[in-house]
Amino acid sequence: MAAKNTKKQRRIDDWTALHSSLANPEGRGQARLPRLPIRLASAIRSPGDVDLLDITFHTEVTDDGNRPSFTVYYDRPSPGPAQG
């Protein structure tokens, strides 16, 4: 027997975030953390009209040592109502 819908039924909306990752170039100097936040700040200032949602930090272990990176999650604002 199928369950009946109730007034307390929830609606789940689909939601997707755009993202971009940034790391130092591979090889010598890839682990230099002080350079990376400066590059990140520059990248955040230049993306245009976006809503910044989150920034995560990650370190990948490679044969050349640690390689830190940031991933920026963002969304483009919905267009407002047409003006006429």
C-alpha atoms as a PDB file:
ATOM      1  CA  MET A   1       0.000   0.000   0.000  1.00  0.00           C
ATOM      2  CA  ALA A   2       1.433   3.407  -1.004  1.00  0.00           C
ATOM      3  CA  ALA A   3       1.937   6.107   1.618  1.00  0.00           C
ATOM      4  CA  LYS A   4      -0.264   9.183   1.318  1.00  0.00           C
ATOM      5  CA  ASN A   5       1.194  12.684   1.009  1.00  0.00           C
ATOM      6  CA  THR A   6       0.866  14.813   4.120  1.00  0.00           C
ATOM      7  CA  LYS A   7       0.927  18.569   4.720  1.00  0.00           C
ATOM      8  CA  LYS A   8       4.387  18.124   6.255  1.00  0.00           C
ATOM      9  CA  GLN A   9       5.884  16.856   2.997  1.00  0.00           C
ATOM     10  CA  ARG A  10       9.195  18.571   2.250  1.00  0.00           C
ATOM     11  CA  ARG A  11      10.348  19.909  -1.081  1.00  0.00           C
ATOM     12  CA  ILE A  12      14.002  19.425  -1.975  1.00  0.00           C
ATOM     13  CA  ASP A  13      15.485  21.890  -4.446  1.00  0.00           C
ATOM     14  CA  ASP A  14      18.386  21.007  -6.694  1.00  0.00           C
ATOM     15  CA  TRP A  15      21.378  23.243  -6.126  1.00  0.00           C
ATOM     16  CA  THR A  16      24.729  23.374  -7.868  1.00  0.00           C
ATOM     17  CA  ALA A  17      27.790  25.514  -7.146  1.00  0.00           C
ATOM     18  CA  LEU A  18      30.407  26.520  -9.662  1.00  0.00           C
ATOM     19  CA  HIS A  19      34.008  26.089  -8.562  1.00  0.00           C
ATOM     20  CA  SER A  20      37.568  26.888  -9.504  1.00  0.00           C
ATOM     21  CA  SER A  21      40.815  25.613  -7.992  1.00  0.00           C
ATOM     22  CA  LEU A  22      44.130  27.411  -7.672  1.00  0.00           C
ATOM     23  CA  ALA A  23      47.563  25.984  -6.812  1.00  0.00           C
ATOM     24  CA  ASN A  24      51.163  27.031  -7.257  1.00  0.00           C
ATOM     25  CA  PRO A  25      52.823  25.685 -10.418  1.00  0.00           C
ATOM     26  CA  GLU A  26      54.173  22.142 -10.078  1.00  0.00           C
ATOM     27  CA  GLY A  27      57.837  21.708  -9.272  1.00  0.00           C
ATOM     28  CA  ARG A  28      60.217  23.939  -7.370  1.00  0.00           C
ATOM     29  CA  GLY A  29      58.317  26.288  -5.089  1.00  0.00           C
ATOM     30  CA  GLN A  30      55.005  24.403  -5.264  1.00  0.00           C
ATOM     31  CA  ALA A  31      54.870  24.159  -1.459  1.00  0.00           C
ATOM     32  CA  ARG A  32      55.385  27.890  -0.850  1.00  0.00           C
ATOM     33  CA  LEU A  33      52.187  28.693   0.970  1.00  0.00           C
ATOM     34  CA  PRO A  34      52.666  32.492   1.366  1.00  0.00           C
ATOM     35  CA  ARG A  35      52.459  33.004  -2.419  1.00  0.00           C
ATOM     36  CA  LEU A  36      49.200  31.111  -2.779  1.00  0.00           C
ATOM     37  CA  PRO A  37      46.834  33.301  -0.665  1.00  0.00           C
ATOM     38  CA  ILE A  38      48.138  36.376  -2.519  1.00  0.00           C
ATOM     39  CA  ARG A  39      47.266  34.750  -5.842  1.00  0.00           C
ATOM     40  CA  LEU A  40      43.899  33.681  -4.416  1.00  0.00           C
ATOM     41  CA  ALA A  41      43.073  37.234  -3.322  1.00  0.00           C
ATOM     42  CA  SER A  42      43.879  38.505  -6.807  1.00  0.00           C
ATOM     43  CA  ALA A  43      41.678  35.842  -8.407  1.00  0.00           C
ATOM     44  CA  ILE A  44      38.747  36.618  -6.085  1.00  0.00           C
ATOM     45  CA  ARG A  45      38.873  40.316  -6.996  1.00  0.00           C
ATOM     46  CA  SER A  46      38.578  39.621 -10.715  1.00  0.00           C
ATOM     47  CA  PRO A  47      35.784  37.074 -11.299  1.00  0.00           C
ATOM     48  CA  GLY A  48      33.069  39.642 -12.053  1.00  0.00           C
ATOM     49  CA  ASP A  49      29.568  39.504 -10.637  1.00  0.00           C
ATOM     50  CA  VAL A  50      29.497  36.319  -8.522  1.00  0.00           C
ATOM     51  CA  ASP A  51      28.301  35.285  -5.078  1.00  0.00           C
ATOM     52  CA  LEU A  52      31.208  33.757  -3.157  1.00  0.00           C
ATOM     53  CA  LEU A  53      29.966  30.683  -1.266  1.00  0.00           C
ATOM     54  CA  ASP A  54      33.002  28.951   0.236  1.00  0.00           C
ATOM     55  CA  ILE A  55      36.782  28.564   0.055  1.00  0.00           C
ATOM     56  CA  THR A  56      38.468  25.288   0.959  1.00  0.00           C
ATOM     57  CA  PHE A  57      42.146  24.499   1.494  1.00  0.00           C
ATOM     58  CA  HIS A  58      43.725  21.213   0.435  1.00  0.00           C
ATOM     59  CA  THR A  59      47.256  19.805   0.363  1.00  0.00           C
ATOM     60  CA  GLU A  60      48.142  17.179  -2.215  1.00  0.00           C
ATOM     61  CA  VAL A  61      51.152  15.003  -1.433  1.00  0.00           C
ATOM     62  CA  THR A  62      53.296  14.557  -4.561  1.00  0.00           C
ATOM     63  CA  ASP A  63      56.725  13.125  -5.384  1.00  0.00           C
ATOM     64  CA  ASP A  64      58.011  16.731  -5.310  1.00  0.00           C
ATOM     65  CA  GLY A  65      56.534  17.377  -1.834  1.00  0.00           C
ATOM     66  CA  ASN A  66      53.304  18.973  -0.663  1.00  0.00           C
ATOM     67  CA  ARG A  67      51.293  21.034  -3.155  1.00  0.00           C
ATOM     68  CA  PRO A  68      48.700  23.237  -1.415  1.00  0.00           C
ATOM     69  CA  SER A  69      45.632  24.468  -3.248  1.00  0.00           C
ATOM     70  CA  PHE A  70      42.435  26.439  -2.692  1.00  0.00           C
ATOM     71  CA  THR A  71      39.057  25.689  -4.236  1.00  0.00           C
ATOM     72  CA  VAL A  72      36.602  28.575  -4.500  1.00  0.00           C
ATOM     73  CA  TYR A  73      32.894  27.756  -4.707  1.00  0.00           C
ATOM     74  CA  TYR A  74      30.646  30.441  -6.170  1.00  0.00           C
ATOM     75  CA  ASP A  75      27.363  31.107  -7.919  1.00  0.00           C
ATOM     76  CA  ARG A  76      26.288  33.663 -10.474  1.00  0.00           C
ATOM     77  CA  PRO A  77      23.437  35.864  -9.208  1.00  0.00           C
ATOM     78  CA  SER A  78      20.057  35.330 -10.817  1.00  0.00           C
ATOM     79  CA  PRO A  79      19.055  38.128 -13.167  1.00  0.00           C
ATOM     80  CA  GLY A  80      16.635  40.560 -11.576  1.00  0.00           C
ATOM     81  CA  PRO A  81      13.228  41.337 -12.993  1.00  0.00           C
ATOM     82  CA  ALA A  82      13.278  43.043 -16.389  1.00  0.00           C
ATOM     83  CA  GLN A  83      12.944  46.785 -16.202  1.00  0.00           C
ATOM     84  CA  GLY A  84      10.909  48.549 -18.804  1.00  0.00           C
END
